[in-house]
Amino acid sequence: MKIPFTMVGLTALNVVAAMISITQVLQPVRADSQVDILRARGLQIVDDRGRVRASLTVLPSTTSEAGLTSQETVLLRLITEKGRPAVKIGASEHASGVSIAGPTGTNDTYAILAADATASSLRLRSEGGREQIIKP
């Protein structure tokens, strides 16, 4: 029985393709090019359980029913394991600020550093109701 020439050719081609595939798999994975810019509308960092622990978002400008307008704002939140946003950093064209909240279980313990238009302030408040506002 004669083996057709095309069968021998196809078998040889398959062997060569398999060898090339094996050599590609055995090579270590490496990043040949570096990405210069990461573009996204938001970023979330999650822990092993899938809970969001940090987020960076751009909030659009809005107008409330009372007619108050808020500017487009970039907001960074650092969140505790219980879901409390403990640190917030926000920036818009007209104002920026940092808010640091007390631990879970507290309602009125916080520090806020704000710069709004031409004024700045530091507001400190403790759970017992004591508050101090520092303005230049």
N, C-alpha and C. Protein backbone atom coordinates (compact mmCIF):
# COMPACT_ATOMS: atom_id res chain seq x y z
N MET A 1 0.84 -1.17 0.00
CA MET A 1 0.00 0.00 0.00
C MET A 1 0.89 1.23 0.00
N LYS A 2 0.62 2.16 -0.89
CA LYS A 2 1.38 3.39 -1.00
C LYS A 2 0.74 4.47 -0.13
N ILE A 3 1.61 5.27 0.54
CA ILE A 3 1.14 6.40 1.34
C ILE A 3 1.14 7.63 0.44
N PRO A 4 0.01 8.30 0.32
CA PRO A 4 -0.04 9.47 -0.56
C PRO A 4 0.92 10.56 -0.08
N PHE A 5 1.50 11.25 -1.03
CA PHE A 5 2.47 12.31 -0.76
C PHE A 5 1.84 13.43 0.09
N THR A 6 0.57 13.74 -0.15
CA THR A 6 -0.10 14.81 0.61
C THR A 6 -0.24 14.45 2.08
N MET A 7 -0.43 13.17 2.40
CA MET A 7 -0.55 12.73 3.80
C MET A 7 0.78 12.93 4.52
N VAL A 8 1.89 12.59 3.85
CA VAL A 8 3.21 12.76 4.44
C VAL A 8 3.48 14.26 4.65
N GLY A 9 3.11 15.07 3.67
CA GLY A 9 3.31 16.51 3.77
C GLY A 9 2.51 17.13 4.90
N LEU A 10 1.24 16.74 5.04
CA LEU A 10 0.39 17.26 6.11
C LEU A 10 0.89 16.83 7.48
N THR A 11 1.35 15.59 7.58
CA THR A 11 1.88 15.10 8.85
C THR A 11 3.12 15.89 9.24
N ALA A 12 4.01 16.13 8.28
CA ALA A 12 5.22 16.90 8.55
C ALA A 12 4.86 18.33 8.96
N LEU A 13 3.89 18.92 8.30
CA LEU A 13 3.45 20.27 8.64
C LEU A 13 2.87 20.33 10.06
N ASN A 14 2.09 19.31 10.44
CA ASN A 14 1.52 19.24 11.79
C ASN A 14 2.61 19.10 12.84
N VAL A 15 3.64 18.32 12.55
CA VAL A 15 4.74 18.14 13.50
C VAL A 15 5.48 19.46 13.69
N VAL A 16 5.73 20.18 12.60
CA VAL A 16 6.41 21.48 12.69
C VAL A 16 5.55 22.47 13.48
N ALA A 17 4.26 22.51 13.22
CA ALA A 17 3.37 23.43 13.93
C ALA A 17 3.33 23.09 15.42
N ALA A 18 3.31 21.81 15.76
CA ALA A 18 3.31 21.39 17.16
C ALA A 18 4.60 21.81 17.85
N MET A 19 5.73 21.67 17.17
CA MET A 19 7.03 22.05 17.74
C MET A 19 7.08 23.56 17.99
N ILE A 20 6.56 24.34 17.06
CA ILE A 20 6.54 25.79 17.24
C ILE A 20 5.65 26.15 18.42
N SER A 21 4.51 25.52 18.56
CA SER A 21 3.59 25.79 19.67
C SER A 21 4.24 25.46 21.00
N ILE A 22 4.95 24.34 21.06
CA ILE A 22 5.60 23.92 22.30
C ILE A 22 6.70 24.92 22.69
N THR A 23 7.47 25.37 21.74
CA THR A 23 8.54 26.33 22.07
C THR A 23 7.96 27.66 22.53
N GLN A 24 6.80 28.05 22.02
CA GLN A 24 6.17 29.30 22.46
C GLN A 24 5.67 29.17 23.89
N VAL A 25 5.16 28.01 24.27
CA VAL A 25 4.63 27.79 25.61
C VAL A 25 5.76 27.73 26.63
N LEU A 26 6.88 27.18 26.28
CA LEU A 26 7.98 27.00 27.21
C LEU A 26 8.77 28.27 27.48
N GLN A 27 8.59 29.30 26.70
CA GLN A 27 9.30 30.55 26.94
C GLN A 27 8.66 31.30 28.11
N PRO A 28 9.48 31.99 28.92
CA PRO A 28 8.91 32.75 30.03
C PRO A 28 8.10 33.94 29.51
N VAL A 29 7.08 34.28 30.27
CA VAL A 29 6.23 35.41 29.91
C VAL A 29 6.95 36.69 30.34
N ARG A 30 6.99 37.67 29.47
CA ARG A 30 7.63 38.94 29.80
C ARG A 30 6.86 40.08 29.14
N ALA A 31 6.97 41.20 29.78
CA ALA A 31 6.35 42.40 29.22
C ALA A 31 7.38 43.11 28.37
N ASP A 32 7.19 43.05 27.06
CA ASP A 32 8.15 43.66 26.17
C ASP A 32 7.98 45.17 26.07
N SER A 33 6.75 45.62 26.22
CA SER A 33 6.53 47.06 26.10
C SER A 33 5.86 47.56 27.37
N GLN A 34 6.15 48.79 27.71
CA GLN A 34 5.60 49.41 28.89
C GLN A 34 4.46 50.33 28.46
N VAL A 35 3.34 50.20 29.15
CA VAL A 35 2.20 51.05 28.86
C VAL A 35 2.44 52.39 29.55
N ASP A 36 2.36 53.48 28.80
CA ASP A 36 2.64 54.79 29.36
C ASP A 36 1.45 55.39 30.09
N ILE A 37 0.24 55.10 29.64
CA ILE A 37 -0.95 55.73 30.20
C ILE A 37 -2.04 54.68 30.39
N LEU A 38 -2.68 54.71 31.55
CA LEU A 38 -3.85 53.89 31.81
C LEU A 38 -5.04 54.84 31.82
N ARG A 39 -6.01 54.59 30.94
CA ARG A 39 -7.17 55.46 30.84
C ARG A 39 -8.42 54.69 31.24
N ALA A 40 -9.19 55.31 32.14
CA ALA A 40 -10.43 54.69 32.59
C ALA A 40 -11.31 55.78 33.20
N ARG A 41 -12.58 55.50 33.36
CA ARG A 41 -13.49 56.45 33.99
C ARG A 41 -13.43 56.34 35.50
N GLY A 42 -12.93 55.22 36.00
CA GLY A 42 -12.82 55.01 37.43
C GLY A 42 -11.89 53.85 37.72
N LEU A 43 -11.50 53.74 38.98
CA LEU A 43 -10.60 52.68 39.40
C LEU A 43 -11.06 52.19 40.76
N GLN A 44 -11.13 50.88 40.92
CA GLN A 44 -11.46 50.30 42.21
C GLN A 44 -10.41 49.26 42.56
N ILE A 45 -9.98 49.27 43.81
CA ILE A 45 -9.07 48.26 44.32
C ILE A 45 -9.85 47.43 45.32
N VAL A 46 -9.84 46.12 45.14
CA VAL A 46 -10.61 45.22 46.00
C VAL A 46 -9.67 44.31 46.78
N ASP A 47 -10.17 43.78 47.91
CA ASP A 47 -9.39 42.84 48.70
C ASP A 47 -9.68 41.42 48.25
N ASP A 48 -9.18 40.42 49.00
CA ASP A 48 -9.34 39.01 48.60
C ASP A 48 -10.80 38.58 48.57
N ARG A 49 -11.66 39.25 49.32
CA ARG A 49 -13.08 38.89 49.36
C ARG A 49 -13.92 39.65 48.34
N GLY A 50 -13.28 40.50 47.55
CA GLY A 50 -14.00 41.24 46.52
C GLY A 50 -14.60 42.54 46.99
N ARG A 51 -14.32 42.94 48.23
CA ARG A 51 -14.84 44.20 48.76
C ARG A 51 -13.99 45.35 48.25
N VAL A 52 -14.64 46.43 47.86
CA VAL A 52 -13.91 47.62 47.38
C VAL A 52 -13.24 48.26 48.58
N ARG A 53 -11.91 48.46 48.50
CA ARG A 53 -11.15 49.07 49.59
C ARG A 53 -10.64 50.45 49.23
N ALA A 54 -10.59 50.75 47.94
CA ALA A 54 -10.19 52.09 47.48
C ALA A 54 -10.85 52.34 46.14
N SER A 55 -11.21 53.58 45.90
CA SER A 55 -11.81 53.92 44.61
C SER A 55 -11.37 55.31 44.20
N LEU A 56 -11.26 55.48 42.92
CA LEU A 56 -10.94 56.77 42.33
C LEU A 56 -11.97 56.99 41.23
N THR A 57 -12.78 58.02 41.37
CA THR A 57 -13.86 58.27 40.41
C THR A 57 -13.93 59.74 40.04
N VAL A 58 -14.52 60.00 38.90
CA VAL A 58 -14.82 61.36 38.47
C VAL A 58 -16.34 61.50 38.56
N LEU A 59 -16.79 62.38 39.43
CA LEU A 59 -18.21 62.60 39.62
C LEU A 59 -18.66 63.76 38.74
N PRO A 60 -19.72 63.59 37.96
CA PRO A 60 -20.16 64.67 37.06
C PRO A 60 -20.79 65.81 37.86
N SER A 61 -20.85 66.97 37.25
CA SER A 61 -21.52 68.10 37.91
C SER A 61 -23.02 67.81 37.94
N THR A 62 -23.66 68.29 39.00
CA THR A 62 -25.10 68.04 39.16
C THR A 62 -25.78 69.32 39.63
N THR A 63 -27.09 69.35 39.44
CA THR A 63 -27.91 70.45 39.96
C THR A 63 -29.03 69.84 40.78
N SER A 64 -29.15 70.28 42.04
CA SER A 64 -30.18 69.74 42.92
C SER A 64 -31.53 70.36 42.60
N GLU A 65 -32.57 69.83 43.22
CA GLU A 65 -33.92 70.36 43.03
C GLU A 65 -34.01 71.80 43.52
N ALA A 66 -33.18 72.15 44.51
CA ALA A 66 -33.18 73.51 45.05
C ALA A 66 -32.40 74.48 44.17
N GLY A 67 -31.78 73.96 43.11
CA GLY A 67 -31.05 74.82 42.20
C GLY A 67 -29.57 74.95 42.50
N LEU A 68 -29.07 74.22 43.51
CA LEU A 68 -27.65 74.27 43.84
C LEU A 68 -26.87 73.40 42.86
N THR A 69 -25.77 73.94 42.36
CA THR A 69 -24.96 73.22 41.38
C THR A 69 -23.65 72.79 42.01
N SER A 70 -23.31 71.52 41.84
CA SER A 70 -22.00 71.03 42.29
C SER A 70 -21.13 70.83 41.06
N GLN A 71 -19.86 71.12 41.21
CA GLN A 71 -18.92 71.03 40.09
C GLN A 71 -18.48 69.58 39.87
N GLU A 72 -17.97 69.32 38.68
CA GLU A 72 -17.37 68.02 38.40
C GLU A 72 -16.21 67.83 39.38
N THR A 73 -16.14 66.65 40.00
CA THR A 73 -15.18 66.42 41.08
C THR A 73 -14.47 65.09 40.89
N VAL A 74 -13.18 65.08 41.20
CA VAL A 74 -12.41 63.84 41.26
C VAL A 74 -12.36 63.44 42.72
N LEU A 75 -12.70 62.19 43.03
CA LEU A 75 -12.80 61.76 44.42
C LEU A 75 -12.04 60.45 44.63
N LEU A 76 -11.13 60.46 45.59
CA LEU A 76 -10.40 59.26 46.01
C LEU A 76 -10.93 58.87 47.38
N ARG A 77 -11.34 57.60 47.51
CA ARG A 77 -11.84 57.09 48.79
C ARG A 77 -10.99 55.91 49.22
N LEU A 78 -10.58 55.91 50.49
CA LEU A 78 -9.92 54.77 51.11
C LEU A 78 -10.91 54.20 52.12
N ILE A 79 -11.22 52.91 52.00
CA ILE A 79 -12.35 52.32 52.71
C ILE A 79 -11.86 51.22 53.65
N THR A 80 -12.40 51.18 54.88
CA THR A 80 -12.01 50.16 55.84
C THR A 80 -12.60 48.81 55.47
N GLU A 81 -12.16 47.78 56.19
CA GLU A 81 -12.68 46.44 55.89
C GLU A 81 -14.16 46.29 56.19
N LYS A 82 -14.72 47.20 57.00
CA LYS A 82 -16.14 47.17 57.31
C LYS A 82 -16.95 48.07 56.38
N GLY A 83 -16.31 48.67 55.38
CA GLY A 83 -17.03 49.44 54.38
C GLY A 83 -17.13 50.93 54.65
N ARG A 84 -16.47 51.41 55.68
CA ARG A 84 -16.53 52.84 56.00
C ARG A 84 -15.47 53.62 55.22
N PRO A 85 -15.87 54.62 54.45
CA PRO A 85 -14.88 55.46 53.77
C PRO A 85 -14.16 56.31 54.80
N ALA A 86 -12.95 55.93 55.20
CA ALA A 86 -12.23 56.60 56.28
C ALA A 86 -11.46 57.82 55.79
N VAL A 87 -10.98 57.79 54.55
CA VAL A 87 -10.23 58.92 54.00
C VAL A 87 -10.84 59.27 52.65
N LYS A 88 -11.10 60.56 52.46
CA LYS A 88 -11.60 61.04 51.18
C LYS A 88 -10.76 62.24 50.77
N ILE A 89 -10.36 62.25 49.52
CA ILE A 89 -9.66 63.39 48.96
C ILE A 89 -10.43 63.79 47.70
N GLY A 90 -10.88 65.03 47.67
CA GLY A 90 -11.67 65.50 46.55
C GLY A 90 -11.09 66.76 45.96
N ALA A 91 -11.29 66.92 44.65
CA ALA A 91 -10.80 68.12 43.98
C ALA A 91 -11.74 68.49 42.85
N SER A 92 -12.08 69.77 42.80
CA SER A 92 -12.86 70.31 41.68
C SER A 92 -12.22 71.64 41.30
N GLU A 93 -12.79 72.30 40.34
CA GLU A 93 -12.22 73.58 39.90
C GLU A 93 -12.34 74.65 40.98
N HIS A 94 -13.38 74.57 41.83
CA HIS A 94 -13.63 75.63 42.80
C HIS A 94 -13.23 75.27 44.22
N ALA A 95 -13.07 73.99 44.53
CA ALA A 95 -12.75 73.60 45.90
C ALA A 95 -12.01 72.27 45.92
N SER A 96 -11.29 72.06 47.01
CA SER A 96 -10.64 70.77 47.22
C SER A 96 -10.56 70.54 48.72
N GLY A 97 -10.40 69.27 49.09
CA GLY A 97 -10.34 68.99 50.51
C GLY A 97 -9.97 67.56 50.82
N VAL A 98 -9.65 67.35 52.10
CA VAL A 98 -9.31 66.04 52.62
C VAL A 98 -10.19 65.82 53.85
N SER A 99 -10.82 64.66 53.90
CA SER A 99 -11.67 64.31 55.04
C SER A 99 -11.15 63.01 55.63
N ILE A 100 -10.94 63.01 56.95
CA ILE A 100 -10.49 61.81 57.64
C ILE A 100 -11.52 61.50 58.71
N ALA A 101 -12.16 60.35 58.62
CA ALA A 101 -13.21 59.97 59.55
C ALA A 101 -12.66 59.07 60.64
N GLY A 102 -13.31 59.10 61.79
CA GLY A 102 -12.93 58.23 62.90
C GLY A 102 -13.25 56.78 62.58
N PRO A 103 -12.89 55.87 63.48
CA PRO A 103 -13.10 54.45 63.22
C PRO A 103 -14.58 54.07 63.19
N THR A 104 -14.86 52.87 62.70
CA THR A 104 -16.23 52.37 62.65
C THR A 104 -16.82 52.40 64.05
N GLY A 105 -18.05 52.83 64.16
CA GLY A 105 -18.71 52.93 65.45
C GLY A 105 -18.77 54.37 65.95
N THR A 106 -18.04 55.26 65.31
CA THR A 106 -18.11 56.68 65.68
C THR A 106 -18.91 57.40 64.61
N ASN A 107 -19.58 58.47 65.01
CA ASN A 107 -20.39 59.25 64.07
C ASN A 107 -19.84 60.65 63.85
N ASP A 108 -19.26 61.23 64.90
CA ASP A 108 -18.86 62.63 64.84
C ASP A 108 -17.38 62.86 65.04
N THR A 109 -16.54 61.85 64.83
CA THR A 109 -15.10 62.03 64.95
C THR A 109 -14.52 62.17 63.56
N TYR A 110 -14.00 63.38 63.26
CA TYR A 110 -13.45 63.59 61.92
C TYR A 110 -12.55 64.82 61.91
N ALA A 111 -11.80 64.92 60.82
CA ALA A 111 -10.98 66.10 60.54
C ALA A 111 -11.19 66.42 59.07
N ILE A 112 -11.43 67.70 58.78
CA ILE A 112 -11.65 68.13 57.40
C ILE A 112 -10.74 69.32 57.11
N LEU A 113 -9.92 69.16 56.11
CA LEU A 113 -9.08 70.24 55.62
C LEU A 113 -9.67 70.66 54.28
N ALA A 114 -10.09 71.92 54.17
CA ALA A 114 -10.79 72.36 52.96
C ALA A 114 -10.21 73.67 52.44
N ALA A 115 -10.20 73.78 51.13
CA ALA A 115 -9.85 75.03 50.46
C ALA A 115 -10.96 75.29 49.45
N ASP A 116 -11.74 76.33 49.72
CA ASP A 116 -12.91 76.63 48.89
C ASP A 116 -12.79 78.07 48.39
N ALA A 117 -12.75 78.24 47.09
CA ALA A 117 -12.58 79.56 46.46
C ALA A 117 -11.34 80.24 47.02
N THR A 118 -11.52 81.27 47.84
CA THR A 118 -10.35 81.99 48.37
C THR A 118 -10.15 81.76 49.87
N ALA A 119 -10.89 80.85 50.46
CA ALA A 119 -10.79 80.59 51.90
C ALA A 119 -10.36 79.14 52.15
N SER A 120 -9.68 78.94 53.27
CA SER A 120 -9.30 77.59 53.68
C SER A 120 -9.63 77.42 55.16
N SER A 121 -9.79 76.17 55.57
CA SER A 121 -10.11 75.92 56.98
C SER A 121 -9.72 74.49 57.36
N LEU A 122 -9.58 74.30 58.66
CA LEU A 122 -9.34 72.98 59.23
C LEU A 122 -10.38 72.80 60.32
N ARG A 123 -11.21 71.78 60.17
CA ARG A 123 -12.26 71.51 61.15
C ARG A 123 -11.95 70.18 61.83
N LEU A 124 -11.87 70.22 63.16
CA LEU A 124 -11.60 69.02 63.95
C LEU A 124 -12.78 68.80 64.88
N ARG A 125 -13.27 67.57 64.91
CA ARG A 125 -14.41 67.26 65.78
C ARG A 125 -14.19 65.91 66.44
N SER A 126 -14.52 65.84 67.72
CA SER A 126 -14.39 64.58 68.45
C SER A 126 -15.78 64.03 68.78
N GLU A 127 -15.83 62.79 69.14
CA GLU A 127 -17.10 62.11 69.39
C GLU A 127 -17.89 62.77 70.51
N GLY A 128 -17.20 63.36 71.46
CA GLY A 128 -17.89 64.02 72.58
C GLY A 128 -18.56 65.33 72.21
N GLY A 129 -18.45 65.76 70.95
CA GLY A 129 -19.10 66.98 70.50
C GLY A 129 -18.20 68.19 70.48
N ARG A 130 -16.97 68.03 70.98
CA ARG A 130 -16.03 69.16 70.94
C ARG A 130 -15.60 69.38 69.51
N GLU A 131 -15.57 70.65 69.13
CA GLU A 131 -15.20 70.98 67.76
C GLU A 131 -14.31 72.22 67.77
N GLN A 132 -13.33 72.19 66.88
CA GLN A 132 -12.46 73.36 66.72
C GLN A 132 -12.31 73.63 65.24
N ILE A 133 -12.49 74.87 64.86
CA ILE A 133 -12.33 75.28 63.46
C ILE A 133 -11.18 76.28 63.40
N ILE A 134 -10.23 76.00 62.56
CA ILE A 134 -9.09 76.88 62.42
C ILE A 134 -9.16 77.51 61.01
N LYS A 135 -9.15 78.85 61.01
CA LYS A 135 -9.17 79.59 59.75
C LYS A 135 -8.02 80.60 59.79
N PRO A 136 -7.38 80.86 58.67
CA PRO A 136 -6.29 81.83 58.67
C PRO A 136 -6.80 83.26 58.85
